[in-house]
Amino acid sequence: KTVYFIKDNYEGFMFDCDDYEQLYEYMKHDKK
């Protein structure tokens, strides 16, 4: 139900599998 609400209201920006490692690096350096 939460996914459906977000899908209906929030458009995405394009990224693909090649970006996953970069996303993971950003998470690793999160200050939390």
PDB file of all heavy atoms in Angstrom:
ATOM      1  N   LYS A   1       0.837  -1.209   0.000  1.00  0.00           N
ATOM      2  CA  LYS A   1       0.000   0.000   0.000  1.00  0.00           C
ATOM      3  C   LYS A   1       0.868   1.254   0.000  1.00  0.00           C
ATOM      4  O   LYS A   1       0.549   2.248  -0.659  1.00  0.00           O
ATOM      5  CB  LYS A   1      -0.942  -0.003   1.203  1.00  0.00           C
ATOM      6  CG  LYS A   1      -2.111  -0.963   1.043  1.00  0.00           C
ATOM      7  CD  LYS A   1      -3.021  -0.962   2.272  1.00  0.00           C
ATOM      8  CE  LYS A   1      -4.188  -1.928   2.079  1.00  0.00           C
ATOM      9  NZ  LYS A   1      -5.045  -2.023   3.298  1.00  0.00           N
ATOM     10  N   THR A   2       1.968   1.196   0.730  1.00  0.00           N
ATOM     11  CA  THR A   2       2.897   2.330   0.740  1.00  0.00           C
ATOM     12  C   THR A   2       3.568   2.475  -0.623  1.00  0.00           C
ATOM     13  O   THR A   2       3.716   3.587  -1.142  1.00  0.00           O
ATOM     14  CB  THR A   2       3.959   2.155   1.843  1.00  0.00           C
ATOM     15  OG1 THR A   2       3.314   1.960   3.107  1.00  0.00           O
ATOM     16  CG2 THR A   2       4.863   3.365   1.929  1.00  0.00           C
ATOM     17  N   VAL A   3       3.958   1.366  -1.214  1.00  0.00           N
ATOM     18  CA  VAL A   3       4.561   1.390  -2.552  1.00  0.00           C
ATOM     19  C   VAL A   3       3.600   1.996  -3.563  1.00  0.00           C
ATOM     20  O   VAL A   3       3.996   2.852  -4.378  1.00  0.00           O
ATOM     21  CB  VAL A   3       4.975  -0.036  -2.993  1.00  0.00           C
ATOM     22  CG1 VAL A   3       5.322  -0.056  -4.487  1.00  0.00           C
ATOM     23  CG2 VAL A   3       6.160  -0.532  -2.176  1.00  0.00           C
ATOM     24  N   TYR A   4       2.320   1.613  -3.526  1.00  0.00           N
ATOM     25  CA  TYR A   4       1.341   2.128  -4.483  1.00  0.00           C
ATOM     26  C   TYR A   4       1.190   3.630  -4.333  1.00  0.00           C
ATOM     27  O   TYR A   4       1.088   4.361  -5.327  1.00  0.00           O
ATOM     28  CB  TYR A   4      -0.009   1.442  -4.292  1.00  0.00           C
ATOM     29  CG  TYR A   4      -0.003  -0.042  -4.601  1.00  0.00           C
ATOM     30  CD1 TYR A   4      -0.835  -0.923  -3.912  1.00  0.00           C
ATOM     31  CD2 TYR A   4       0.849  -0.570  -5.579  1.00  0.00           C
ATOM     32  CE1 TYR A   4      -0.827  -2.289  -4.182  1.00  0.00           C
ATOM     33  CE2 TYR A   4       0.868  -1.935  -5.852  1.00  0.00           C
ATOM     34  CZ  TYR A   4       0.025  -2.780  -5.140  1.00  0.00           C
ATOM     35  OH  TYR A   4       0.044  -4.130  -5.405  1.00  0.00           O
ATOM     36  N   PHE A   5       1.165   4.115  -3.083  1.00  0.00           N
ATOM     37  CA  PHE A   5       1.044   5.561  -2.869  1.00  0.00           C
ATOM     38  C   PHE A   5       2.239   6.292  -3.468  1.00  0.00           C
ATOM     39  O   PHE A   5       2.090   7.316  -4.150  1.00  0.00           O
ATOM     40  CB  PHE A   5       0.932   5.871  -1.369  1.00  0.00           C
ATOM     41  CG  PHE A   5       0.909   7.339  -1.076  1.00  0.00           C
ATOM     42  CD1 PHE A   5      -0.264   8.071  -1.201  1.00  0.00           C
ATOM     43  CD2 PHE A   5       2.073   8.009  -0.692  1.00  0.00           C
ATOM     44  CE1 PHE A   5      -0.281   9.444  -0.953  1.00  0.00           C
ATOM     45  CE2 PHE A   5       2.068   9.376  -0.444  1.00  0.00           C
ATOM     46  CZ  PHE A   5       0.876  10.089  -0.575  1.00  0.00           C
ATOM     47  N   ILE A   6       3.428   5.779  -3.223  1.00  0.00           N
ATOM     48  CA  ILE A   6       4.632   6.429  -3.744  1.00  0.00           C
ATOM     49  C   ILE A   6       4.679   6.357  -5.275  1.00  0.00           C
ATOM     50  O   ILE A   6       5.001   7.334  -5.950  1.00  0.00           O
ATOM     51  CB  ILE A   6       5.894   5.796  -3.110  1.00  0.00           C
ATOM     52  CG1 ILE A   6       5.938   6.139  -1.611  1.00  0.00           C
ATOM     53  CG2 ILE A   6       7.167   6.274  -3.814  1.00  0.00           C
ATOM     54  CD1 ILE A   6       7.014   5.401  -0.840  1.00  0.00           C
ATOM     55  N   LYS A   7       4.321   5.212  -5.821  1.00  0.00           N
ATOM     56  CA  LYS A   7       4.306   5.063  -7.278  1.00  0.00           C
ATOM     57  C   LYS A   7       3.358   6.057  -7.928  1.00  0.00           C
ATOM     58  O   LYS A   7       3.655   6.637  -8.980  1.00  0.00           O
ATOM     59  CB  LYS A   7       3.908   3.636  -7.662  1.00  0.00           C
ATOM     60  CG  LYS A   7       3.910   3.397  -9.168  1.00  0.00           C
ATOM     61  CD  LYS A   7       3.504   1.963  -9.499  1.00  0.00           C
ATOM     62  CE  LYS A   7       3.505   1.742 -11.018  1.00  0.00           C
ATOM     63  NZ  LYS A   7       3.104   0.382 -11.379  1.00  0.00           N
ATOM     64  N   ASP A   8       2.209   6.288  -7.295  1.00  0.00           N
ATOM     65  CA  ASP A   8       1.202   7.194  -7.853  1.00  0.00           C
ATOM     66  C   ASP A   8       1.618   8.657  -7.777  1.00  0.00           C
ATOM     67  O   ASP A   8       1.102   9.489  -8.530  1.00  0.00           O
ATOM     68  CB  ASP A   8      -0.131   7.026  -7.116  1.00  0.00           C
ATOM     69  CG  ASP A   8      -0.843   5.743  -7.496  1.00  0.00           C
ATOM     70  OD1 ASP A   8      -0.459   5.119  -8.505  1.00  0.00           O
ATOM     71  OD2 ASP A   8      -1.786   5.354  -6.770  1.00  0.00           O
ATOM     72  N   ASN A   9       2.525   8.987  -6.863  1.00  0.00           N
ATOM     73  CA  ASN A   9       2.811  10.399  -6.601  1.00  0.00           C
ATOM     74  C   ASN A   9       4.231  10.847  -6.912  1.00  0.00           C
ATOM     75  O   ASN A   9       4.458  12.040  -7.134  1.00  0.00           O
ATOM     76  CB  ASN A   9       2.504  10.721  -5.138  1.00  0.00           C
ATOM     77  CG  ASN A   9       1.020  10.751  -4.839  1.00  0.00           C
ATOM     78  OD1 ASN A   9       0.341  11.727  -5.129  1.00  0.00           O
ATOM     79  ND2 ASN A   9       0.508   9.663  -4.269  1.00  0.00           N
ATOM     80  N   TYR A  10       5.188   9.920  -6.923  1.00  0.00           N
ATOM     81  CA  TYR A  10       6.590  10.316  -7.031  1.00  0.00           C
ATOM     82  C   TYR A  10       7.229   9.686  -8.262  1.00  0.00           C
ATOM     83  O   TYR A  10       7.464   8.487  -8.296  1.00  0.00           O
ATOM     84  CB  TYR A  10       7.364   9.906  -5.772  1.00  0.00           C
ATOM     85  CG  TYR A  10       6.905  10.626  -4.527  1.00  0.00           C
ATOM     86  CD1 TYR A  10       5.829  10.133  -3.782  1.00  0.00           C
ATOM     87  CD2 TYR A  10       7.518  11.795  -4.104  1.00  0.00           C
ATOM     88  CE1 TYR A  10       5.385  10.802  -2.644  1.00  0.00           C
ATOM     89  CE2 TYR A  10       7.097  12.470  -2.969  1.00  0.00           C
ATOM     90  CZ  TYR A  10       6.024  11.966  -2.240  1.00  0.00           C
ATOM     91  OH  TYR A  10       5.586  12.623  -1.122  1.00  0.00           O
ATOM     92  N   GLU A  11       7.510  10.528  -9.255  1.00  0.00           N
ATOM     93  CA  GLU A  11       8.184  10.016 -10.438  1.00  0.00           C
ATOM     94  C   GLU A  11       9.646   9.747 -10.123  1.00  0.00           C
ATOM     95  O   GLU A  11      10.221  10.316  -9.194  1.00  0.00           O
ATOM     96  CB  GLU A  11       8.080  11.047 -11.570  1.00  0.00           C
ATOM     97  CG  GLU A  11       8.777  12.350 -11.251  1.00  0.00           C
ATOM     98  CD  GLU A  11       8.465  13.451 -12.248  1.00  0.00           C
ATOM     99  OE1 GLU A  11       7.286  13.590 -12.610  1.00  0.00           O
ATOM    100  OE2 GLU A  11       9.406  14.154 -12.647  1.00  0.00           O
ATOM    101  N   GLY A  12      10.273   8.876 -10.894  1.00  0.00           N
ATOM    102  CA  GLY A  12      11.646   8.488 -10.617  1.00  0.00           C
ATOM    103  C   GLY A  12      12.658   9.211 -11.483  1.00  0.00           C
ATOM    104  O   GLY A  12      12.303   9.975 -12.370  1.00  0.00           O
ATOM    105  N   PHE A  13      13.923   8.986 -11.178  1.00  0.00           N
ATOM    106  CA  PHE A  13      14.964   9.425 -12.105  1.00  0.00           C
ATOM    107  C   PHE A  13      15.726   8.172 -12.534  1.00  0.00           C
ATOM    108  O   PHE A  13      15.755   7.170 -11.817  1.00  0.00           O
ATOM    109  CB  PHE A  13      15.883  10.471 -11.452  1.00  0.00           C
ATOM    110  CG  PHE A  13      17.081   9.928 -10.726  1.00  0.00           C
ATOM    111  CD1 PHE A  13      18.351  10.101 -11.248  1.00  0.00           C
ATOM    112  CD2 PHE A  13      16.940   9.266  -9.511  1.00  0.00           C
ATOM    113  CE1 PHE A  13      19.465   9.605 -10.574  1.00  0.00           C
ATOM    114  CE2 PHE A  13      18.057   8.783  -8.825  1.00  0.00           C
ATOM    115  CZ  PHE A  13      19.315   8.949  -9.372  1.00  0.00           C
ATOM    116  N   MET A  14      16.302   8.213 -13.712  1.00  0.00           N
ATOM    117  CA  MET A  14      16.834   6.997 -14.303  1.00  0.00           C
ATOM    118  C   MET A  14      18.219   6.658 -13.753  1.00  0.00           C
ATOM    119  O   MET A  14      19.118   7.492 -13.702  1.00  0.00           O
ATOM    120  CB  MET A  14      16.898   7.147 -15.830  1.00  0.00           C
ATOM    121  CG  MET A  14      15.524   7.344 -16.479  1.00  0.00           C
ATOM    122  SD  MET A  14      14.293   6.105 -15.959  1.00  0.00           S
ATOM    123  CE  MET A  14      15.036   4.605 -16.609  1.00  0.00           C
ATOM    124  N   PHE A  15      18.348   5.422 -13.328  1.00  0.00           N
ATOM    125  CA  PHE A  15      19.641   4.843 -12.995  1.00  0.00           C
ATOM    126  C   PHE A  15      19.537   3.353 -13.278  1.00  0.00           C
ATOM    127  O   PHE A  15      18.440   2.826 -13.508  1.00  0.00           O
ATOM    128  CB  PHE A  15      20.031   5.120 -11.537  1.00  0.00           C
ATOM    129  CG  PHE A  15      19.158   4.444 -10.519  1.00  0.00           C
ATOM    130  CD1 PHE A  15      19.522   3.218  -9.978  1.00  0.00           C
ATOM    131  CD2 PHE A  15      17.962   5.020 -10.104  1.00  0.00           C
ATOM    132  CE1 PHE A  15      18.718   2.589  -9.040  1.00  0.00           C
ATOM    133  CE2 PHE A  15      17.151   4.395  -9.164  1.00  0.00           C
ATOM    134  CZ  PHE A  15      17.528   3.181  -8.635  1.00  0.00           C
ATOM    135  N   ASP A  16      20.662   2.661 -13.320  1.00  0.00           N
ATOM    136  CA  ASP A  16      20.614   1.240 -13.654  1.00  0.00           C
ATOM    137  C   ASP A  16      21.580   0.453 -12.765  1.00  0.00           C
ATOM    138  O   ASP A  16      22.173   1.000 -11.830  1.00  0.00           O
ATOM    139  CB  ASP A  16      20.911   1.016 -15.142  1.00  0.00           C
ATOM    140  CG  ASP A  16      22.243   1.617 -15.567  1.00  0.00           C
ATOM    141  OD1 ASP A  16      23.194   1.585 -14.764  1.00  0.00           O
ATOM    142  OD2 ASP A  16      22.327   2.105 -16.713  1.00  0.00           O
ATOM    143  N   CYS A  17      21.737  -0.828 -13.089  1.00  0.00           N
ATOM    144  CA  CYS A  17      22.557  -1.717 -12.252  1.00  0.00           C
ATOM    145  C   CYS A  17      23.998  -1.248 -12.138  1.00  0.00           C
ATOM    146  O   CYS A  17      24.676  -1.542 -11.144  1.00  0.00           O
ATOM    147  CB  CYS A  17      22.526  -3.138 -12.809  1.00  0.00           C
ATOM    148  SG  CYS A  17      20.877  -3.888 -12.794  1.00  0.00           S
ATOM    149  N   ASP A  18      24.468  -0.538 -13.148  1.00  0.00           N
ATOM    150  CA  ASP A  18      25.845  -0.044 -13.114  1.00  0.00           C
ATOM    151  C   ASP A  18      26.061   0.981 -12.007  1.00  0.00           C
ATOM    152  O   ASP A  18      27.204   1.267 -11.634  1.00  0.00           O
ATOM    153  CB  ASP A  18      26.221   0.580 -14.463  1.00  0.00           C
ATOM    154  CG  ASP A  18      26.304  -0.451 -15.580  1.00  0.00           C
ATOM    155  OD1 ASP A  18      26.502  -1.643 -15.251  1.00  0.00           O
ATOM    156  OD2 ASP A  18      26.162  -0.070 -16.759  1.00  0.00           O
ATOM    157  N   ASP A  19      24.963   1.551 -11.486  1.00  0.00           N
ATOM    158  CA  ASP A  19      25.062   2.572 -10.443  1.00  0.00           C
ATOM    159  C   ASP A  19      25.005   1.995  -9.030  1.00  0.00           C
ATOM    160  O   ASP A  19      25.201   2.729  -8.054  1.00  0.00           O
ATOM    161  CB  ASP A  19      23.929   3.602 -10.592  1.00  0.00           C
ATOM    162  CG  ASP A  19      24.022   4.385 -11.879  1.00  0.00           C
ATOM    163  OD1 ASP A  19      25.113   4.917 -12.161  1.00  0.00           O
ATOM    164  OD2 ASP A  19      23.009   4.468 -12.606  1.00  0.00           O
ATOM    165  N   TYR A  20      24.749   0.703  -8.902  1.00  0.00           N
ATOM    166  CA  TYR A  20      24.540   0.122  -7.575  1.00  0.00           C
ATOM    167  C   TYR A  20      25.776   0.262  -6.682  1.00  0.00           C
ATOM    168  O   TYR A  20      25.659   0.565  -5.491  1.00  0.00           O
ATOM    169  CB  TYR A  20      24.153  -1.359  -7.688  1.00  0.00           C
ATOM    170  CG  TYR A  20      22.715  -1.623  -8.096  1.00  0.00           C
ATOM    171  CD1 TYR A  20      21.972  -0.674  -8.783  1.00  0.00           C
ATOM    172  CD2 TYR A  20      22.118  -2.839  -7.798  1.00  0.00           C
ATOM    173  CE1 TYR A  20      20.656  -0.927  -9.164  1.00  0.00           C
ATOM    174  CE2 TYR A  20      20.801  -3.107  -8.176  1.00  0.00           C
ATOM    175  CZ  TYR A  20      20.073  -2.154  -8.862  1.00  0.00           C
ATOM    176  OH  TYR A  20      18.782  -2.409  -9.237  1.00  0.00           O
ATOM    177  N   GLU A  21      26.960   0.008  -7.252  1.00  0.00           N
ATOM    178  CA  GLU A  21      28.184   0.100  -6.451  1.00  0.00           C
ATOM    179  C   GLU A  21      28.390   1.530  -5.939  1.00  0.00           C
ATOM    180  O   GLU A  21      28.814   1.730  -4.797  1.00  0.00           O
ATOM    181  CB  GLU A  21      29.396  -0.360  -7.259  1.00  0.00           C
ATOM    182  CG  GLU A  21      29.442  -1.847  -7.526  1.00  0.00           C
ATOM    183  CD  GLU A  21      29.690  -2.680  -6.260  1.00  0.00           C
ATOM    184  OE1 GLU A  21      30.159  -2.110  -5.232  1.00  0.00           O
ATOM    185  OE2 GLU A  21      29.440  -3.906  -6.300  1.00  0.00           O
ATOM    186  N   GLN A  22      28.091   2.514  -6.785  1.00  0.00           N
ATOM    187  CA  GLN A  22      28.228   3.908  -6.358  1.00  0.00           C
ATOM    188  C   GLN A  22      27.231   4.231  -5.244  1.00  0.00           C
ATOM    189  O   GLN A  22      27.574   4.896  -4.254  1.00  0.00           O
ATOM    190  CB  GLN A  22      28.008   4.856  -7.539  1.00  0.00           C
ATOM    191  CG  GLN A  22      28.124   6.331  -7.182  1.00  0.00           C
ATOM    192  CD  GLN A  22      29.536   6.709  -6.748  1.00  0.00           C
ATOM    193  OE1 GLN A  22      30.462   6.736  -7.545  1.00  0.00           O
ATOM    194  NE2 GLN A  22      29.707   6.998  -5.453  1.00  0.00           N
ATOM    195  N   LEU A  23      26.000   3.735  -5.390  1.00  0.00           N
ATOM    196  CA  LEU A  23      24.991   3.932  -4.344  1.00  0.00           C
ATOM    197  C   LEU A  23      25.477   3.325  -3.022  1.00  0.00           C
ATOM    198  O   LEU A  23      25.331   3.927  -1.952  1.00  0.00           O
ATOM    199  CB  LEU A  23      23.657   3.302  -4.756  1.00  0.00           C
ATOM    200  CG  LEU A  23      22.865   4.028  -5.844  1.00  0.00           C
ATOM    201  CD1 LEU A  23      21.750   3.132  -6.374  1.00  0.00           C
ATOM    202  CD2 LEU A  23      22.273   5.334  -5.308  1.00  0.00           C
ATOM    203  N   TYR A  24      26.062   2.133  -3.114  1.00  0.00           N
ATOM    204  CA  TYR A  24      26.536   1.452  -1.907  1.00  0.00           C
ATOM    205  C   TYR A  24      27.674   2.242  -1.253  1.00  0.00           C
ATOM    206  O   TYR A  24      27.747   2.333  -0.015  1.00  0.00           O
ATOM    207  CB  TYR A  24      27.002   0.034  -2.261  1.00  0.00           C
ATOM    208  CG  TYR A  24      27.273  -0.833  -1.055  1.00  0.00           C
ATOM    209  CD1 TYR A  24      26.233  -1.303  -0.258  1.00  0.00           C
ATOM    210  CD2 TYR A  24      28.583  -1.181  -0.707  1.00  0.00           C
ATOM    211  CE1 TYR A  24      26.485  -2.097   0.860  1.00  0.00           C
ATOM    212  CE2 TYR A  24      28.844  -1.972   0.402  1.00  0.00           C
ATOM    213  CZ  TYR A  24      27.790  -2.430   1.173  1.00  0.00           C
ATOM    214  OH  TYR A  24      28.037  -3.199   2.283  1.00  0.00           O
ATOM    215  N   GLU A  25      28.551   2.828  -2.058  1.00  0.00           N
ATOM    216  CA  GLU A  25      29.638   3.646  -1.515  1.00  0.00           C
ATOM    217  C   GLU A  25      29.086   4.848  -0.760  1.00  0.00           C
ATOM    218  O   GLU A  25      29.591   5.207   0.312  1.00  0.00           O
ATOM    219  CB  GLU A  25      30.572   4.115  -2.642  1.00  0.00           C
ATOM    220  CG  GLU A  25      31.529   3.055  -3.125  1.00  0.00           C
ATOM    221  CD  GLU A  25      32.431   2.543  -2.006  1.00  0.00           C
ATOM    222  OE1 GLU A  25      33.070   3.371  -1.320  1.00  0.00           O
ATOM    223  OE2 GLU A  25      32.484   1.311  -1.800  1.00  0.00           O
ATOM    224  N   TYR A  26      28.045   5.483  -1.320  1.00  0.00           N
ATOM    225  CA  TYR A  26      27.424   6.611  -0.622  1.00  0.00           C
ATOM    226  C   TYR A  26      26.856   6.154   0.725  1.00  0.00           C
ATOM    227  O   TYR A  26      26.995   6.843   1.738  1.00  0.00           O
ATOM    228  CB  TYR A  26      26.312   7.225  -1.466  1.00  0.00           C
ATOM    229  CG  TYR A  26      26.790   8.038  -2.649  1.00  0.00           C
ATOM    230  CD1 TYR A  26      26.214   7.867  -3.917  1.00  0.00           C
ATOM    231  CD2 TYR A  26      27.790   8.993  -2.519  1.00  0.00           C
ATOM    232  CE1 TYR A  26      26.628   8.611  -5.004  1.00  0.00           C
ATOM    233  CE2 TYR A  26      28.224   9.747  -3.605  1.00  0.00           C
ATOM    234  CZ  TYR A  26      27.636   9.546  -4.846  1.00  0.00           C
ATOM    235  OH  TYR A  26      28.053  10.292  -5.916  1.00  0.00           O
ATOM    236  N   MET A  27      26.219   4.997   0.743  1.00  0.00           N
ATOM    237  CA  MET A  27      25.647   4.478   1.998  1.00  0.00           C
ATOM    238  C   MET A  27      26.750   4.213   3.023  1.00  0.00           C
ATOM    239  O   MET A  27      26.582   4.479   4.210  1.00  0.00           O
ATOM    240  CB  MET A  27      24.861   3.190   1.739  1.00  0.00           C
ATOM    241  CG  MET A  27      23.590   3.374   0.946  1.00  0.00           C
ATOM    242  SD  MET A  27      22.790   1.761   0.643  1.00  0.00           S
ATOM    243  CE  MET A  27      22.316   1.952  -1.073  1.00  0.00           C
ATOM    244  N   LYS A  28      27.875   3.686   2.584  1.00  0.00           N
ATOM    245  CA  LYS A  28      28.983   3.364   3.493  1.00  0.00           C
ATOM    246  C   LYS A  28      29.518   4.613   4.184  1.00  0.00           C
ATOM    247  O   LYS A  28      30.016   4.551   5.305  1.00  0.00           O
ATOM    248  CB  LYS A  28      30.123   2.681   2.729  1.00  0.00           C
ATOM    249  CG  LYS A  28      29.870   1.216   2.423  1.00  0.00           C
ATOM    250  CD  LYS A  28      30.912   0.647   1.475  1.00  0.00           C
ATOM    251  CE  LYS A  28      32.314   0.720   2.042  1.00  0.00           C
ATOM    252  NZ  LYS A  28      33.318   0.125   1.120  1.00  0.00           N
ATOM    253  N   HIS A  29      29.389   5.760   3.523  1.00  0.00           N
ATOM    254  CA  HIS A  29      29.932   6.991   4.076  1.00  0.00           C
ATOM    255  C   HIS A  29      28.863   7.872   4.716  1.00  0.00           C
ATOM    256  O   HIS A  29      29.112   9.039   5.030  1.00  0.00           O
ATOM    257  CB  HIS A  29      30.688   7.769   2.988  1.00  0.00           C
ATOM    258  CG  HIS A  29      31.961   7.097   2.584  1.00  0.00           C
ATOM    259  ND1 HIS A  29      32.016   6.170   1.564  1.00  0.00           N
ATOM    260  CD2 HIS A  29      33.218   7.167   3.100  1.00  0.00           C
ATOM    261  CE1 HIS A  29      33.256   5.717   1.452  1.00  0.00           C
ATOM    262  NE2 HIS A  29      34.000   6.302   2.367  1.00  0.00           N
ATOM    263  N   ASP A  30      27.685   7.305   4.914  1.00  0.00           N
ATOM    264  CA  ASP A  30      26.627   8.041   5.615  1.00  0.00           C
ATOM    265  C   ASP A  30      27.103   8.323   7.044  1.00  0.00           C
ATOM    266  O   ASP A  30      27.645   7.451   7.721  1.00  0.00           O
ATOM    267  CB  ASP A  30      25.348   7.193   5.634  1.00  0.00           C
ATOM    268  CG  ASP A  30      24.142   7.987   6.114  1.00  0.00           C
ATOM    269  OD1 ASP A  30      24.113   8.334   7.310  1.00  0.00           O
ATOM    270  OD2 ASP A  30      23.226   8.240   5.316  1.00  0.00           O
ATOM    271  N   LYS A  31      26.880   9.567   7.515  1.00  0.00           N
ATOM    272  CA  LYS A  31      27.414   9.946   8.825  1.00  0.00           C
ATOM    273  C   LYS A  31      26.740   9.219   9.994  1.00  0.00           C
ATOM    274  O   LYS A  31      27.220   9.273  11.124  1.00  0.00           O
ATOM    275  CB  LYS A  31      27.318  11.460   9.032  1.00  0.00           C
ATOM    276  CG  LYS A  31      25.918  12.068   9.013  1.00  0.00           C
ATOM    277  CD  LYS A  31      26.001  13.569   9.276  1.00  0.00           C
ATOM    278  CE  LYS A  31      24.643  14.246   9.201  1.00  0.00           C
ATOM    279  NZ  LYS A  31      24.159  14.457   7.842  1.00  0.00           N
ATOM    280  N   LYS A  32      25.647   8.511   9.742  1.00  0.00           N
ATOM    281  CA  LYS A  32      24.979   7.759  10.820  1.00  0.00           C
ATOM    282  C   LYS A  32      25.697   6.451  11.130  1.00  0.00           C
ATOM    283  O   LYS A  32      25.468   5.835  12.170  1.00  0.00           O
ATOM    284  CB  LYS A  32      23.522   7.461  10.419  1.00  0.00           C
ATOM    285  CG  LYS A  32      22.662   8.695  10.215  1.00  0.00           C
ATOM    286  CD  LYS A  32      21.243   8.335   9.867  1.00  0.00           C
ATOM    287  CE  LYS A  32      21.088   7.646   8.518  1.00  0.00           C
ATOM    288  NZ  LYS A  32      21.397   8.498   7.376  1.00  0.00           N
TER     289      LYS A  32
END
